[in-house]
Protein backbone atom coordinates (compact mmCIF):
# COMPACT_ATOMS: atom_id res chain seq x y z
CA MET A 1 -95.46 54.82 54.19
CA ASN A 2 -93.52 57.27 56.31
CA PHE A 3 -89.39 57.45 55.82
CA SER A 4 -88.30 59.35 59.03
CA ALA A 5 -84.92 58.87 60.28
CA GLU A 6 -85.71 56.70 63.22
CA LYS A 7 -87.73 54.38 61.33
CA ALA A 8 -85.12 54.14 58.43
CA SER A 9 -82.79 52.56 61.17
CA ARG A 10 -85.02 49.76 62.36
CA LYS A 11 -86.13 49.05 58.61
CA TRP A 12 -82.50 49.17 57.00
CA PRO A 13 -79.64 48.09 59.33
CA VAL A 14 -77.53 50.20 57.13
CA GLY A 15 -79.46 53.05 57.36
CA ALA A 16 -78.07 54.26 60.96
CA PHE A 17 -74.63 53.80 59.47
CA ARG A 18 -75.00 55.93 56.33
CA ARG A 19 -76.48 59.01 58.50
CA GLY A 20 -73.89 58.64 61.08
CA GLY A 21 -71.56 59.02 58.08
CA ALA A 22 -73.31 61.72 56.14
CA ALA A 23 -73.33 63.87 59.43
CA MET A 24 -69.70 63.43 60.22
CA VAL A 25 -68.73 64.36 56.10
CA THR A 26 -71.47 67.31 56.67
CA ALA A 27 -69.70 68.79 60.14
CA ALA A 28 -66.19 68.31 58.02
CA VAL A 29 -66.73 70.38 55.54
CA LEU A 30 -68.67 72.26 57.70
CA LEU A 31 -65.27 73.30 59.68
CA CYS A 32 -63.50 73.90 56.80
CA LEU A 33 -65.45 76.09 54.91
CA GLY A 34 -65.66 77.90 58.72
CA MET A 35 -62.33 78.15 58.85
CA GLN A 36 -61.48 79.91 55.07
CA ALA A 37 -64.51 81.94 55.50
CA GLY A 38 -66.26 84.55 57.72
CA PRO A 39 -69.31 82.60 59.96
CA ALA A 40 -71.91 84.37 57.84
CA GLU A 41 -70.58 82.99 54.55
CA ALA A 42 -70.32 79.79 56.15
CA ALA A 43 -74.05 79.92 57.46
CA ARG A 44 -74.63 80.67 53.35
CA ARG A 45 -73.01 77.78 52.38
CA ALA A 46 -73.76 75.47 54.79
CA PRO A 47 -75.65 72.45 52.89
CA SER A 48 -78.98 71.28 54.50
CA PHE A 49 -79.99 68.19 54.86
CA PRO A 50 -83.22 66.78 53.00
CA TRP A 51 -85.31 66.37 56.06
CA ASP A 52 -84.06 70.07 58.15
CA ASP A 53 -86.98 71.87 56.73
CA LEU A 54 -89.57 69.36 57.14
CA PHE A 55 -88.82 68.97 60.40
CA GLY A 56 -87.75 71.93 61.75
CA THR A 57 -84.26 71.40 62.56
CA ARG A 58 -82.56 73.60 59.95
CA PRO A 59 -81.23 76.76 61.82
CA GLN A 60 -82.66 79.97 60.90
CA ARG A 61 -81.04 82.47 58.63
CA PRO A 62 -79.50 85.79 59.81
CA HIS A 63 -81.60 88.70 58.14
CA LYS A 64 -79.28 90.99 56.31
CA ALA A 65 -79.15 94.41 57.90
CA ALA A 66 -81.25 97.06 55.68
CA ARG A 67 -79.74 99.46 53.34
CA ARG A 68 -81.38 103.02 53.89
CA ALA A 69 -80.89 104.24 50.41
CA ALA A 70 -79.94 108.05 49.81
CA VAL A 71 -83.66 109.82 48.54
CA PRO A 72 -82.37 112.58 46.80
CA LEU A 73 -84.68 115.80 47.66
CA PRO A 74 -85.79 118.80 45.24
CA LYS A 75 -83.62 121.85 45.22
CA PRO A 76 -84.15 124.89 46.75
CA ARG A 77 -87.13 127.61 45.28
CA PRO A 78 -84.41 130.07 43.57
CA ALA A 79 -85.12 133.52 45.35
CA GLN A 80 -85.80 135.33 41.79
CA ALA A 81 -88.49 132.81 41.00
CA PRO A 82 -91.82 134.59 41.07
CA ALA A 83 -94.35 134.27 43.74
CA GLU A 84 -97.31 131.10 43.60
CA PRO A 85 -100.76 132.40 43.70
CA PRO A 86 -103.03 131.60 45.97
CA ALA A 87 -105.36 128.41 45.78
CA ALA A 88 -108.64 130.13 45.32
CA ALA A 89 -107.25 132.49 42.26
CA LYS A 90 -106.00 129.21 40.77
CA THR A 91 -109.91 127.79 40.03
CA GLN A 92 -111.03 131.11 38.71
CA PRO A 93 -110.66 131.43 34.90
CA ALA A 94 -107.50 133.65 33.49
CA VAL A 95 -108.57 137.11 32.47
CA PRO A 96 -105.72 138.60 30.46
CA ALA A 97 -104.47 141.92 31.76
CA GLU A 98 -105.60 143.60 28.80
CA ALA A 99 -109.10 142.76 28.95
CA ALA A 100 -109.35 143.58 32.93
CA GLY A 101 -109.55 147.26 34.17
CA PRO A 102 -107.64 148.79 36.95
CA SER A 103 -110.36 148.06 39.63
CA GLU A 104 -111.19 144.48 38.20
CA SER A 105 -107.50 144.08 38.68
CA ALA A 106 -107.04 145.47 41.94
CA LYS A 107 -110.43 144.00 43.22
CA PRO A 108 -109.21 141.06 46.28
CA VAL A 109 -110.18 137.32 45.08
CA GLU A 110 -113.44 136.64 46.73
CA ALA A 111 -113.82 132.76 48.38
CA ALA A 112 -115.86 130.63 46.33
CA LYS A 113 -119.56 130.63 47.59
CA PRO A 114 -121.45 127.46 48.45
CA ALA A 115 -123.53 126.01 45.73
CA GLU A 116 -127.28 126.99 45.98
CA PRO A 117 -129.95 123.76 45.82
CA ALA A 118 -131.47 123.43 42.54
CA ALA A 119 -135.14 124.51 42.39
CA PRO A 120 -137.93 121.88 42.07
CA GLN A 121 -138.96 121.04 38.47
CA LEU A 122 -142.70 122.35 37.95
CA SER A 123 -145.10 119.58 36.30
CA ALA A 124 -146.41 119.82 33.33
CA CYS A 125 -149.67 120.81 35.02
CA ARG A 126 -148.12 123.85 36.83
CA GLN A 127 -146.49 125.30 33.77
CA ALA A 128 -149.73 124.94 31.72
CA LEU A 129 -151.92 126.90 34.46
CA THR A 130 -150.45 130.09 33.99
CA GLU A 131 -151.90 133.96 35.45
CA GLU A 132 -153.34 134.00 31.78
CA ILE A 133 -156.05 131.16 32.68
CA ALA A 134 -156.20 131.39 36.84
CA ILE A 135 -154.60 133.23 39.71
CA ALA A 136 -153.79 129.63 41.31
CA PRO A 137 -150.63 130.17 43.43
CA SER A 138 -148.42 127.10 44.40
CA ILE A 139 -148.40 125.95 48.07
CA PRO A 140 -146.35 123.32 49.97
CA ASP A 141 -147.60 119.08 49.63
CA ILE A 142 -149.64 118.31 51.92
CA HIS A 143 -149.06 114.63 54.13
CA GLY A 144 -151.42 114.12 56.56
CA ALA A 145 -152.55 111.42 58.92
CA GLY A 146 -154.62 108.51 57.00
CA GLY A 147 -153.37 109.43 53.48
CA CYS A 148 -154.87 113.07 53.45
CA GLY A 149 -153.05 115.61 51.65
CA GLY A 150 -151.07 115.22 48.15
CA GLU A 151 -148.81 116.89 45.98
CA ASP A 152 -148.46 119.31 43.20
CA LEU A 153 -151.24 121.90 45.19
CA VAL A 154 -152.45 125.56 44.20
CA ARG A 155 -154.76 127.59 46.11
CA LEU A 156 -157.43 128.82 43.07
CA GLU A 157 -158.20 132.19 43.84
CA ALA A 158 -159.90 133.64 40.80
CA ILE A 159 -160.27 132.62 37.18
CA VAL A 160 -159.16 134.64 34.15
CA LEU A 161 -161.65 134.78 31.41
CA PRO A 162 -160.61 135.03 27.85
CA ASP A 163 -161.62 138.85 27.60
CA LYS A 164 -159.30 139.30 30.70
CA ARG A 165 -162.05 139.56 33.52
CA LYS A 166 -161.54 137.43 36.76
CA VAL A 167 -164.39 135.43 38.18
CA ALA A 168 -163.74 135.14 42.05
CA VAL A 169 -163.53 131.72 43.86
CA LYS A 170 -165.16 132.21 47.17
CA PRO A 171 -163.72 131.22 49.77
CA ALA A 172 -160.17 130.30 47.84
CA ALA A 173 -160.07 126.43 47.39
CA ILE A 174 -157.33 124.36 48.02
CA LEU A 175 -157.06 121.58 45.03
CA ARG A 176 -154.45 119.62 42.96
CA CYS A 177 -153.49 121.38 39.86
CA LYS A 178 -155.26 118.81 37.66
CA MET A 179 -158.70 119.34 39.78
CA ALA A 180 -158.25 123.06 39.45
CA ALA A 181 -157.11 123.14 35.82
CA ALA A 182 -160.54 121.07 34.99
CA VAL A 183 -162.64 123.51 37.06
CA ALA A 184 -160.84 126.85 35.43
CA ASP A 185 -161.73 125.50 32.14
CA TRP A 186 -165.01 124.40 32.72
CA ILE A 187 -165.87 128.30 33.73
CA ARG A 188 -164.07 129.32 30.55
CA THR A 189 -165.29 127.43 28.21
CA ASP A 190 -169.13 126.55 29.34
CA ILE A 191 -170.27 128.58 31.72
CA ALA A 192 -168.51 132.23 30.83
CA PRO A 193 -171.03 131.50 27.78
CA LEU A 194 -174.05 131.01 29.34
CA ALA A 195 -173.94 133.47 32.05
CA GLN A 196 -173.11 136.24 29.12
CA SER A 197 -176.83 135.81 28.50
CA LEU A 198 -178.51 136.11 31.64
CA GLY A 199 -177.08 139.50 33.58
CA GLY A 200 -173.53 140.55 32.05
CA GLY A 201 -171.45 137.41 32.43
CA ILE A 202 -170.66 135.39 35.83
CA SER A 203 -168.62 137.45 38.35
CA ASN A 204 -167.59 134.80 41.24
CA LEU A 205 -168.35 131.01 42.14
CA ASP A 206 -169.58 130.09 45.37
CA ASN A 207 -167.16 127.49 46.90
CA PHE A 208 -168.94 125.28 49.48
CA ASP A 209 -166.21 122.96 50.14
CA SER A 210 -162.49 121.98 48.82
CA PHE A 211 -159.62 120.50 50.79
CA GLU A 212 -160.47 118.83 54.45
CA CYS A 213 -159.15 115.68 55.88
CA ARG A 214 -162.50 113.70 56.51
CA GLY A 215 -164.25 110.60 55.29
CA ARG A 216 -167.06 110.15 53.05
CA ASN A 217 -170.12 112.56 53.99
CA ARG A 218 -168.15 113.28 57.05
CA VAL A 219 -169.44 109.93 58.53
CA ALA A 220 -167.02 108.79 60.96
CA GLY A 221 -164.90 105.52 60.19
CA ALA A 222 -166.17 106.11 56.63
CA GLN A 223 -163.34 105.60 53.43
CA LEU A 224 -161.09 108.75 52.60
CA SER A 225 -163.16 111.00 50.69
CA GLU A 226 -161.61 113.05 47.74
CA HIS A 227 -162.11 116.35 49.97
CA GLY A 228 -159.36 114.69 51.95
CA ARG A 229 -157.26 114.29 48.58
CA ALA A 230 -157.72 117.73 47.62
CA ASN A 231 -159.60 116.23 44.44
CA ALA A 232 -162.92 117.38 44.71
CA LEU A 233 -165.33 120.88 44.87
CA ASP A 234 -168.32 121.41 45.98
CA VAL A 235 -170.10 124.03 43.87
CA ARG A 236 -173.26 126.03 45.13
CA ALA A 237 -174.22 128.94 43.27
CA PHE A 238 -172.30 131.30 40.99
CA GLY A 239 -172.63 134.90 40.92
CA LEU A 240 -173.56 137.31 38.16
CA ALA A 241 -172.23 140.82 37.14
CA ASP A 242 -175.71 142.64 37.95
CA GLY A 243 -175.82 140.99 41.08
CA LYS A 244 -178.03 138.10 41.15
CA SER A 245 -176.86 134.69 41.95
CA ILE A 246 -178.03 131.65 40.36
CA SER A 247 -178.35 128.36 42.63
CA LEU A 248 -177.70 124.96 40.85
CA THR A 249 -180.20 123.12 42.82
CA ASP A 250 -182.62 125.99 43.02
CA ARG A 251 -186.48 124.05 41.16
CA SER A 252 -187.39 127.83 40.86
CA VAL A 253 -184.31 128.45 38.34
CA PRO A 254 -185.17 127.81 34.56
CA ARG A 255 -185.04 124.03 33.95
CA THR A 256 -182.89 124.35 30.72
CA LEU A 257 -180.39 126.15 32.45
CA ARG A 258 -179.81 124.01 35.09
CA GLU A 259 -179.57 120.48 32.37
CA THR A 260 -177.19 122.43 30.69
CA VAL A 261 -174.72 122.80 33.33
CA LEU A 262 -175.46 119.37 34.48
CA HIS A 263 -174.44 118.44 31.11
CA SER A 264 -170.99 120.36 30.76
CA VAL A 265 -170.21 119.12 34.46
CA CYS A 266 -170.80 115.04 33.67
CA ALA A 267 -168.79 115.49 30.32
CA ARG A 268 -165.66 117.47 32.37
CA PHE A 269 -166.04 115.31 35.88
CA SER A 270 -165.54 111.53 36.78
CA THR A 271 -167.73 112.13 39.71
CA VAL A 272 -171.03 114.26 39.85
CA LEU A 273 -173.52 114.15 42.82
CA GLY A 274 -176.24 116.41 43.21
CA PRO A 275 -179.97 116.53 44.09
CA GLY A 276 -181.36 113.06 44.01
CA SER A 277 -178.24 111.09 44.64
CA ASP A 278 -178.47 111.34 48.50
CA TRP A 279 -179.60 113.14 51.12
CA TYR A 280 -175.93 114.95 51.79
CA HIS A 281 -176.02 116.67 48.23
CA GLU A 282 -179.27 118.29 48.66
CA ASP A 283 -178.06 121.87 48.50
CA HIS A 284 -175.22 121.57 46.40
CA VAL A 285 -173.24 119.89 43.36
CA HIS A 286 -169.91 117.62 44.10
CA LEU A 287 -167.00 117.17 41.63
CA ASP A 288 -164.05 115.61 41.70
CA LEU A 289 -161.46 113.90 39.36
CA ILE A 290 -161.01 110.15 40.81
CA GLU A 291 -159.69 107.53 38.69
CA ARG A 292 -161.69 104.45 38.32
CA ARG A 293 -161.43 101.21 36.30
CA ASN A 294 -162.00 101.46 32.68
CA ASN A 295 -162.63 105.17 32.98
CA TYR A 296 -165.90 104.46 34.88
CA ARG A 297 -168.14 107.83 35.78
CA ILE A 298 -170.89 109.09 38.09
CA CYS A 299 -173.41 111.35 37.03
CA GLN A 300 -176.37 111.75 39.59
CA TRP A 301 -178.41 114.67 39.22
CA ASN A 302 -182.07 114.97 39.29
CA VAL A 303 -182.93 118.14 37.30
CA ASP A 304 -186.86 118.55 38.76
CA ASP A 305 -189.43 120.66 37.71
CA PRO A 306 -190.21 124.32 39.19
CA LEU A 307 -192.79 123.62 41.99
CA PRO A 308 -196.13 124.37 41.05
CA GLN A 309 -197.50 127.79 42.50
CA VAL A 310 -199.67 127.46 45.58
CA ALA A 311 -202.95 129.66 45.91
CA PRO A 312 -203.11 132.23 49.42
CA LEU A 313 -204.63 130.81 52.30
CA LEU A 314 -206.26 134.20 53.25
CA PRO A 315 -208.63 135.73 50.62
CA ALA A 316 -207.18 139.20 48.77
CA GLU A 317 -208.16 142.48 51.34
CA ARG A 318 -211.43 144.76 49.41
CA PRO A 319 -209.72 147.89 48.53
CA GLU A 320 -211.21 151.02 50.00
CA GLU A 321 -212.03 152.48 46.47
CA ALA A 322 -214.56 149.51 45.64
CA PRO A 323 -218.34 150.21 45.64
CA PRO A 324 -220.33 149.23 48.23
CA ARG A 325 -222.03 145.67 48.02
CA GLU A 326 -225.65 145.65 47.30
CA VAL A 327 -227.97 144.31 49.90
CA ALA A 328 -231.35 142.40 48.62
CA ALA A 329 -234.57 144.10 50.05
CA LYS A 330 -236.63 141.47 52.63
CA SER A 331 -240.25 141.28 51.60
CA ASP A 332 -243.60 139.25 53.59
CA ALA A 333 -245.18 138.32 49.98
CA PRO A 334 -243.33 134.82 49.45
CA LYS A 335 -244.23 134.05 52.98
CA ALA A 336 -248.16 135.21 52.44
CA ASP A 337 -248.45 132.94 49.66
CA THR A 338 -247.12 129.99 51.17
CA SER A 339 -249.35 130.07 54.22
CA LYS A 340 -252.19 130.40 51.72
CA ALA A 341 -251.05 127.35 50.34
CA ASP A 342 -250.57 126.04 53.49
CA HIS A 343 -254.20 126.67 54.29
CA GLY A 344 -255.91 125.84 50.94
CA LYS A 345 -253.99 122.21 51.28
CA SER A 346 -255.43 122.00 55.32
CA ASP A 347 -259.00 122.89 53.68
CA THR A 348 -259.05 120.03 51.17
CA SER A 349 -258.48 117.77 53.85
CA LYS A 350 -261.81 119.06 55.94
CA PRO A 351 -264.42 117.69 54.05
CA ASP A 352 -263.64 113.95 55.10
CA ALA A 353 -263.89 115.48 58.69
CA THR A 354 -267.04 117.41 58.70
CA LYS A 355 -268.53 114.53 57.10
CA SER A 356 -267.54 112.17 59.83
CA ASP A 357 -268.85 114.76 62.07
CA ASP A 358 -271.75 114.99 60.49
CA ALA A 359 -272.34 111.35 60.68
CA ALA A 360 -271.84 111.23 64.48
CA ALA A 361 -273.47 114.20 65.25
CA PRO A 362 -276.37 112.20 67.27
CA ASP A 363 -273.51 111.04 69.30
CA ARG A 364 -272.54 113.80 71.62
CA SER A 365 -269.60 111.65 73.33
CA ALA A 366 -267.93 111.77 69.83
CA GLU A 367 -267.56 115.77 69.45
CA THR A 368 -266.18 115.91 72.67
CA ARG A 369 -263.47 112.93 72.06
CA PRO A 370 -260.31 113.88 71.00
CA GLN A 371 -258.58 113.00 67.69
CA PRO A 372 -254.89 112.85 68.82
CA THR A 373 -254.00 110.49 65.63
CA LYS A 374 -255.28 112.56 63.20
CA LYS A 375 -253.27 115.68 64.49
CA ARG A 376 -250.55 113.69 64.26
CA ARG A 377 -250.64 112.37 61.01
CA GLN A 378 -251.15 115.73 59.43
CA SER A 379 -248.47 116.98 60.94
CA ARG A 380 -246.15 113.87 59.45
CA ARG A 381 -247.37 114.81 55.64
CA PHE A 382 -245.80 118.57 56.36
């Protein structure tokens, strides 16, 4: 229902009269109040009709004038007050006058230095791989294309044995810290005692390959090799203190020595590839620490028997001091005996011929007749 003033006059006939009367009474009251009080007071006390606010017919009240409150100001600093220290001096701790010397009290206050960046925290492997174990300075992380590189890298230059002797790595190998620590432990624990009985101990390690951003077996498009992650080392040989070199793939090296090295590397590294695995590893041994499911390991290295010794193709030259060779004397006696035997055999075959000749004596034509058939037969017999 709409209870507006216009509709109220239609519905109730007396509404207009009531509304007009109320307006007249209101005007009279306002006039009286305006005469007694000022216009501001009259506007403040003027009664409002209930519907004036609803339809926006009520006149707006004038805003009161803002009064500015007097803000008290601080009192001026007295002249006898001590001077304030500078801002930089407030940050430093106060030092008693008795403790500070004359030079310190007279020294000007220096400006605060900017905080230096905190040094990167070393890994547990880096803290354990000290100079007493290996000479392996840290190098910056490498982030190459295709996932090459890694973090926590070192340059393995030498391995320090328990007796303080150093085993040089030629050339220096770029490896991850864990791989470098595994190689150092292998040389210190297994190879050094083994080489001590060969030629005065181990002196260097022949590094065939370490970090190289490439695929497996250097095949284009192949899966990234552990060499590309700085997690692999190819070992070809190790040198002894007496100058000899022990090649791990040389079949002339004693089989027991190569088998000992085989068992030691297969127990320490997750991948070992040598002769017999493929033709890429016929002249060196590949070692890495790749992580596989269920700690799966690969150890493929055939320790072949030594090759048989082949006799020389030409005989050895006769020495000059050798005595002259004896030559057997030639004789005709055996030949004469053989000729007599031949004649005897031929004589035994003649009686038949003589008999035939005697029998054919009357016939002269038989004597002159040739006998080629008998001669051929006799020649065939001999």
